[in-house]
Amino acid sequence: MFKRAVGRRREMALAGAGLVVAVSGVFAMADTDDGRSDDFSGKSSGPYFNPQLRDWADGMCESTASLRALRADSVKQAERLREKAGEPASERESGSASTYLLSASEALDGLSRDFGAVDSLTRLPDTERLRAGYLREIDRVRPEVRELSDADGLAGLSARERIGRAERVTSLVAAIKDPSPSWAELVQTDGLFESASNSPGCMAIRQAERERSEPAPPPLPAADGTSVAACADGACEVRVTEPVTHIKVRELTLDVDRKETKVTVRHSYPSGGAVRVNLSGEGARGTFGRGGGTTVTVELKGMNKGNAVLRITSSS
């Protein structure tokens, strides 16, 4: 259901024009006055997700998310440059500035293509106004950013000059204005746009942004920290943070695949074959090795979103 209703007058106007209206969060087709269905919505006797409105919303959500990401990256770059202001320009800072310049120019080119590819819906004027507004602002700053980021031009510049160019580009990105009302404002005030923002693509983008904004979980304590080299002698307690980690335990090598809800440990034998164990709860264990040789036991001591602590022991 809508948090804010479309409004009877708005709904009647849309229906009279043969446009889709939202019914319980599902895009449904409204008939025109002459009994024919609207051209872009196709024909259907029941509720359905209108493909064109869905695709438009997916494209708008993806493009505006990319713009937000560029702005956020530029804010961080501007903060780094301010922190270094007054210090001698180092080659490291110069290299970071050059990398930012090139990535910002490429991002703006991509945004121009993305917004340009978002199809407007001719019977919903706000869709074209939004697309054109964002595209106009991006293309307004893009030529100067491209000139400042030109690789050949950067080659002959001093470190301070490169940093100065990066400072200018961060200000240009910050100056990109949203149309008024923006996509976000329309989602908040117009039921049709709110419903469109619940398209599968939009929901996936919001979920990804929420996950990125969540603070990183604190590292779990481990006697040997993240030093997997401590396991070489056959006994250790290590914190695994990478998605894939290779741990040498005496003459055995363990491949550790860490996910958010489980750890998979795998050992491949030189003669062929492999053993794989899934550890999905605190205290879960797996044993590797063969009779007459080294036997290795791996116990999951604890885990959270970014860490897994393994206690590894061995015997002969």
Protein backbone atom coordinates (compact mmCIF):
# COMPACT_ATOMS: atom_id res chain seq x y z
CA MET A 1 0.00 0.00 0.00
CA PHE A 2 1.08 3.58 -0.59
CA LYS A 3 2.38 5.54 2.37
CA ARG A 4 0.93 8.56 0.55
CA ALA A 5 -2.07 8.14 -1.71
CA VAL A 6 -1.83 9.28 -5.30
CA GLY A 7 -4.80 11.55 -4.71
CA ARG A 8 -8.19 11.21 -6.38
CA ARG A 9 -7.67 14.09 -8.81
CA ARG A 10 -4.20 12.84 -9.80
CA GLU A 11 -5.51 9.28 -10.16
CA MET A 12 -8.44 10.36 -12.33
CA ALA A 13 -6.16 12.41 -14.54
CA LEU A 14 -3.83 9.48 -15.06
CA ALA A 15 -6.68 7.11 -15.76
CA GLY A 16 -8.23 9.56 -18.20
CA ALA A 17 -4.94 9.73 -20.07
CA GLY A 18 -4.69 5.93 -20.19
CA LEU A 19 -1.69 5.80 -17.86
CA VAL A 20 -0.78 3.18 -15.30
CA VAL A 21 -1.86 3.69 -11.71
CA ALA A 22 -0.55 1.84 -8.70
CA VAL A 23 -2.84 -0.62 -6.96
CA SER A 24 -1.50 -2.09 -3.70
CA GLY A 25 2.06 -1.56 -4.88
CA VAL A 26 1.50 -3.30 -8.24
CA PHE A 27 1.48 -1.40 -11.50
CA ALA A 28 -1.90 -1.85 -13.17
CA MET A 29 -3.21 -0.65 -16.51
CA ALA A 30 -5.95 1.97 -16.73
CA ASP A 31 -8.22 2.04 -19.77
CA THR A 32 -8.57 5.15 -21.92
CA ASP A 33 -11.90 6.86 -22.42
CA ASP A 34 -12.46 5.09 -25.73
CA GLY A 35 -11.91 1.66 -24.14
CA ARG A 36 -8.45 1.09 -25.63
CA SER A 37 -5.38 0.37 -23.57
CA ASP A 38 -2.51 2.82 -23.50
CA ASP A 39 0.15 2.09 -26.11
CA PHE A 40 3.12 1.73 -23.77
CA SER A 41 1.38 -0.41 -21.17
CA GLY A 42 0.25 -3.21 -23.45
CA LYS A 43 -2.95 -5.18 -22.94
CA SER A 44 -3.79 -7.11 -19.83
CA SER A 45 -6.93 -7.89 -17.88
CA GLY A 46 -5.24 -7.99 -14.47
CA PRO A 47 -2.58 -6.29 -12.34
CA TYR A 48 0.97 -6.52 -13.62
CA PHE A 49 4.27 -4.74 -13.40
CA ASN A 50 4.33 -2.37 -16.35
CA PRO A 51 7.58 -3.25 -18.17
CA GLN A 52 8.30 0.25 -19.45
CA LEU A 53 7.71 2.01 -16.14
CA ARG A 54 9.73 -0.71 -14.39
CA ASP A 55 12.63 -0.33 -16.84
CA TRP A 56 12.50 3.45 -16.55
CA ALA A 57 12.62 3.23 -12.75
CA ASP A 58 15.49 0.72 -12.83
CA GLY A 59 17.47 3.00 -15.14
CA MET A 60 16.79 6.10 -13.06
CA CYS A 61 17.71 4.36 -9.79
CA GLU A 62 20.93 2.97 -11.26
CA SER A 63 21.95 6.32 -12.77
CA THR A 64 21.18 8.40 -9.67
CA ALA A 65 22.99 5.84 -7.48
CA SER A 66 26.08 6.17 -9.68
CA LEU A 67 25.88 9.94 -9.35
CA ARG A 68 25.65 9.64 -5.55
CA ALA A 69 28.68 7.36 -5.53
CA LEU A 70 30.71 9.84 -7.60
CA ARG A 71 29.71 12.69 -5.30
CA ALA A 72 30.65 10.68 -2.20
CA ASP A 73 34.04 9.75 -3.67
CA SER A 74 34.67 13.38 -4.63
CA VAL A 75 33.81 14.56 -1.10
CA LYS A 76 36.36 12.11 0.33
CA GLN A 77 38.95 13.25 -2.19
CA ALA A 78 38.30 16.91 -1.31
CA GLU A 79 38.71 16.11 2.41
CA ARG A 80 42.03 14.36 1.75
CA LEU A 81 43.27 17.32 -0.25
CA ARG A 82 42.27 19.77 2.50
CA GLU A 83 44.11 17.69 5.09
CA LYS A 84 47.27 17.91 3.00
CA ALA A 85 46.90 21.61 2.21
CA GLY A 86 50.04 23.56 3.14
CA GLU A 87 52.25 20.47 3.06
CA PRO A 88 54.80 19.88 0.29
CA ALA A 89 53.14 18.07 -2.61
CA SER A 90 54.38 14.46 -2.58
CA GLU A 91 54.53 12.11 -5.53
CA ARG A 92 52.12 9.82 -3.70
CA GLU A 93 49.52 12.57 -3.38
CA SER A 94 50.15 13.53 -6.99
CA GLY A 95 49.51 9.96 -8.10
CA SER A 96 46.33 9.80 -6.03
CA ALA A 97 45.14 13.07 -7.60
CA SER A 98 45.83 11.77 -11.11
CA THR A 99 43.95 8.55 -10.40
CA TYR A 100 40.98 10.51 -9.10
CA LEU A 101 40.99 12.83 -12.13
CA LEU A 102 40.88 9.94 -14.60
CA SER A 103 38.23 8.01 -12.65
CA ALA A 104 36.02 11.10 -12.25
CA SER A 105 36.16 11.84 -15.98
CA GLU A 106 35.31 8.23 -16.86
CA ALA A 107 32.46 8.25 -14.31
CA LEU A 108 30.93 11.40 -15.81
CA ASP A 109 31.15 9.93 -19.30
CA GLY A 110 29.39 6.83 -18.02
CA LEU A 111 26.71 8.89 -16.28
CA SER A 112 26.05 10.84 -19.46
CA ARG A 113 25.54 7.59 -21.34
CA ASP A 114 23.38 6.11 -18.58
CA PHE A 115 21.02 9.07 -18.22
CA GLY A 116 20.88 9.39 -21.99
CA ALA A 117 19.77 5.77 -22.26
CA VAL A 118 16.91 6.13 -19.76
CA ASP A 119 13.77 6.14 -21.90
CA SER A 120 11.29 8.85 -21.04
CA LEU A 121 7.59 8.03 -20.89
CA THR A 122 5.94 10.62 -23.10
CA ARG A 123 2.67 10.61 -21.14
CA LEU A 124 4.50 11.30 -17.87
CA PRO A 125 6.27 14.65 -18.43
CA ASP A 126 8.24 14.41 -15.16
CA THR A 127 10.13 11.38 -16.47
CA GLU A 128 11.59 13.34 -19.39
CA ARG A 129 12.18 16.44 -17.26
CA LEU A 130 14.16 14.36 -14.77
CA ARG A 131 16.27 12.63 -17.39
CA ALA A 132 16.97 15.86 -19.27
CA GLY A 133 17.71 17.78 -16.06
CA TYR A 134 20.30 15.33 -14.78
CA LEU A 135 21.85 14.96 -18.23
CA ARG A 136 22.09 18.74 -18.70
CA GLU A 137 23.92 19.21 -15.40
CA ILE A 138 26.36 16.37 -16.05
CA ASP A 139 27.13 17.52 -19.57
CA ARG A 140 27.62 21.07 -18.25
CA VAL A 141 30.73 20.08 -16.24
CA ARG A 142 31.91 17.14 -18.31
CA PRO A 143 33.96 19.05 -20.94
CA GLU A 144 36.04 20.89 -18.30
CA VAL A 145 36.59 17.71 -16.28
CA ARG A 146 37.70 15.90 -19.42
CA GLU A 147 40.18 18.68 -20.21
CA LEU A 148 41.56 18.74 -16.67
CA SER A 149 41.90 14.93 -16.65
CA ASP A 150 43.56 14.53 -20.05
CA ALA A 151 46.39 12.03 -19.60
CA ASP A 152 48.73 13.80 -22.03
CA GLY A 153 48.17 17.09 -20.24
CA LEU A 154 48.82 15.56 -16.84
CA ALA A 155 52.14 14.04 -17.93
CA GLY A 156 53.98 17.37 -17.96
CA LEU A 157 52.55 18.82 -14.76
CA SER A 158 54.14 19.15 -11.35
CA ALA A 159 52.68 17.37 -8.34
CA ARG A 160 51.14 20.61 -7.05
CA GLU A 161 49.51 21.32 -10.42
CA ARG A 162 47.94 17.86 -10.56
CA ILE A 163 46.59 18.29 -7.05
CA GLY A 164 45.21 21.68 -8.04
CA ARG A 165 43.36 20.09 -10.94
CA ALA A 166 41.90 17.45 -8.63
CA GLU A 167 40.67 20.19 -6.29
CA ARG A 168 38.93 21.89 -9.21
CA VAL A 169 37.22 18.66 -10.30
CA THR A 170 35.91 17.97 -6.80
CA SER A 171 34.28 21.41 -6.86
CA LEU A 172 32.80 20.77 -10.31
CA VAL A 173 31.27 17.47 -9.18
CA ALA A 174 29.89 19.15 -6.05
CA ALA A 175 28.25 21.77 -8.31
CA ILE A 176 26.14 19.20 -10.19
CA LYS A 177 22.57 20.08 -9.23
CA ASP A 178 19.56 17.80 -9.00
CA PRO A 179 16.47 18.80 -10.98
CA SER A 180 13.70 20.33 -8.89
CA PRO A 181 11.79 18.33 -7.87
CA SER A 182 14.44 15.60 -7.96
CA TRP A 183 13.84 11.88 -8.37
CA ALA A 184 14.13 11.44 -4.60
CA GLU A 185 11.63 14.24 -3.95
CA LEU A 186 9.11 12.81 -6.42
CA VAL A 187 9.41 9.41 -4.75
CA GLN A 188 8.53 11.08 -1.44
CA THR A 189 5.59 13.14 -2.72
CA ASP A 190 4.04 11.30 -5.68
CA GLY A 191 2.47 7.87 -5.23
CA LEU A 192 3.16 6.82 -8.81
CA PHE A 193 6.88 7.53 -8.47
CA GLU A 194 6.96 5.93 -5.03
CA SER A 195 5.53 2.74 -6.50
CA ALA A 196 7.96 2.91 -9.43
CA SER A 197 10.85 3.18 -6.94
CA ASN A 198 9.94 -0.31 -5.67
CA SER A 199 10.96 -1.92 -8.94
CA PRO A 200 13.31 -4.91 -8.53
CA GLY A 201 16.34 -2.94 -9.71
CA CYS A 202 15.64 0.00 -7.38
CA MET A 203 15.18 -2.27 -4.38
CA ALA A 204 18.45 -4.09 -5.09
CA ILE A 205 20.33 -0.79 -5.34
CA ARG A 206 18.90 0.47 -2.03
CA GLN A 207 19.85 -2.78 -0.33
CA ALA A 208 23.41 -2.56 -1.65
CA GLU A 209 23.72 1.05 -0.47
CA ARG A 210 22.44 0.14 2.99
CA GLU A 211 24.98 -2.66 3.27
CA ARG A 212 27.83 -0.37 2.21
CA SER A 213 26.79 2.27 4.74
CA GLU A 214 26.68 -0.15 7.66
CA PRO A 215 29.68 0.24 9.97
CA ALA A 216 32.24 -2.51 9.71
CA PRO A 217 31.92 -5.04 12.54
CA PRO A 218 34.70 -5.00 15.12
CA PRO A 219 37.48 -7.53 14.56
CA LEU A 220 37.12 -10.68 16.62
CA PRO A 221 39.99 -11.48 18.99
CA ALA A 222 42.44 -14.14 17.83
CA ALA A 223 45.67 -15.17 19.53
CA ASP A 224 47.70 -14.89 16.31
CA GLY A 225 45.74 -12.04 14.73
CA THR A 226 45.61 -12.32 10.94
CA SER A 227 49.03 -13.98 10.63
CA VAL A 228 48.30 -17.25 8.85
CA ALA A 229 52.06 -17.90 8.85
CA ALA A 230 51.63 -18.79 12.55
CA CYS A 231 49.84 -21.97 11.45
CA ALA A 232 52.89 -23.45 9.72
CA ASP A 233 54.04 -25.29 12.84
CA GLY A 234 50.62 -26.96 13.23
CA ALA A 235 48.91 -24.88 15.91
CA CYS A 236 47.36 -21.41 15.69
CA GLU A 237 44.33 -19.25 16.24
CA VAL A 238 43.87 -16.82 13.34
CA ARG A 239 41.34 -14.28 12.16
CA VAL A 240 40.37 -14.67 8.49
CA THR A 241 39.12 -11.49 6.83
CA GLU A 242 39.60 -12.14 3.12
CA PRO A 243 36.99 -14.04 1.04
CA VAL A 244 39.62 -16.65 0.13
CA THR A 245 42.67 -17.50 2.25
CA HIS A 246 45.31 -20.23 1.84
CA ILE A 247 46.72 -21.59 5.09
CA LYS A 248 49.77 -23.84 5.26
CA VAL A 249 49.62 -26.27 8.22
CA ARG A 250 52.76 -28.40 8.33
CA GLU A 251 52.68 -30.32 5.02
CA LEU A 252 48.98 -29.66 4.34
CA THR A 253 47.48 -26.63 2.62
CA LEU A 254 43.95 -25.56 3.49
CA ASP A 255 41.83 -23.33 1.22
CA VAL A 256 39.45 -21.25 3.34
CA ASP A 257 36.42 -19.67 1.66
CA ARG A 258 34.76 -17.16 4.02
CA LYS A 259 31.19 -16.00 3.55
CA GLU A 260 28.91 -14.07 5.89
CA THR A 261 27.16 -17.15 7.29
CA LYS A 262 29.67 -19.95 6.92
CA VAL A 263 33.27 -20.91 6.32
CA THR A 264 34.20 -23.63 3.86
CA VAL A 265 37.56 -25.34 4.35
CA ARG A 266 38.97 -27.50 1.58
CA HIS A 267 42.08 -29.66 1.28
CA SER A 268 43.17 -31.22 -2.01
CA TYR A 269 45.37 -34.31 -1.93
CA PRO A 270 48.42 -34.54 -4.26
CA SER A 271 47.28 -37.94 -5.47
CA GLY A 272 43.84 -36.61 -6.39
CA GLY A 273 40.59 -36.03 -4.57
CA ALA A 274 39.68 -33.45 -1.98
CA VAL A 275 37.86 -33.05 1.31
CA ARG A 276 35.60 -30.07 1.92
CA VAL A 277 33.91 -29.16 5.20
CA ASN A 278 31.33 -26.41 5.82
CA LEU A 279 31.59 -24.73 9.23
CA SER A 280 28.43 -22.73 9.88
CA GLY A 281 28.27 -22.33 13.65
CA GLU A 282 30.53 -21.59 16.59
CA GLY A 283 32.29 -24.77 17.65
CA ALA A 284 31.87 -26.52 14.29
CA ARG A 285 34.87 -28.66 13.34
CA GLY A 286 36.42 -30.39 10.39
CA THR A 287 39.35 -32.82 10.20
CA PHE A 288 41.75 -33.29 7.31
CA GLY A 289 44.55 -35.75 6.62
CA ARG A 290 45.11 -39.45 6.18
CA GLY A 291 46.26 -42.28 8.39
CA GLY A 292 50.02 -42.41 8.85
CA GLY A 293 50.44 -38.70 8.22
CA THR A 294 49.51 -35.36 9.69
CA THR A 295 45.91 -34.83 10.80
CA VAL A 296 44.65 -31.26 10.99
CA THR A 297 41.54 -30.13 12.88
CA VAL A 298 39.93 -26.76 12.14
CA GLU A 299 37.42 -25.31 14.60
CA LEU A 300 35.30 -22.22 13.99
CA LYS A 301 35.64 -20.16 17.16
CA GLY A 302 33.46 -17.28 16.02
CA MET A 303 32.44 -15.14 13.05
CA ASN A 304 30.63 -11.99 12.03
CA LYS A 305 30.09 -10.16 8.74
CA GLY A 306 33.77 -9.43 8.11
CA ASN A 307 35.68 -11.89 10.27
CA ALA A 308 36.01 -15.57 11.07
CA VAL A 309 38.30 -16.93 13.78
CA LEU A 310 39.74 -20.41 13.24
CA ARG A 311 41.52 -22.53 15.83
CA ILE A 312 43.80 -25.00 14.07
CA THR A 313 45.54 -27.95 15.70
CA SER A 314 47.45 -30.89 14.26
CA SER A 315 48.78 -34.28 15.25
CA SER A 316 50.91 -36.96 13.64
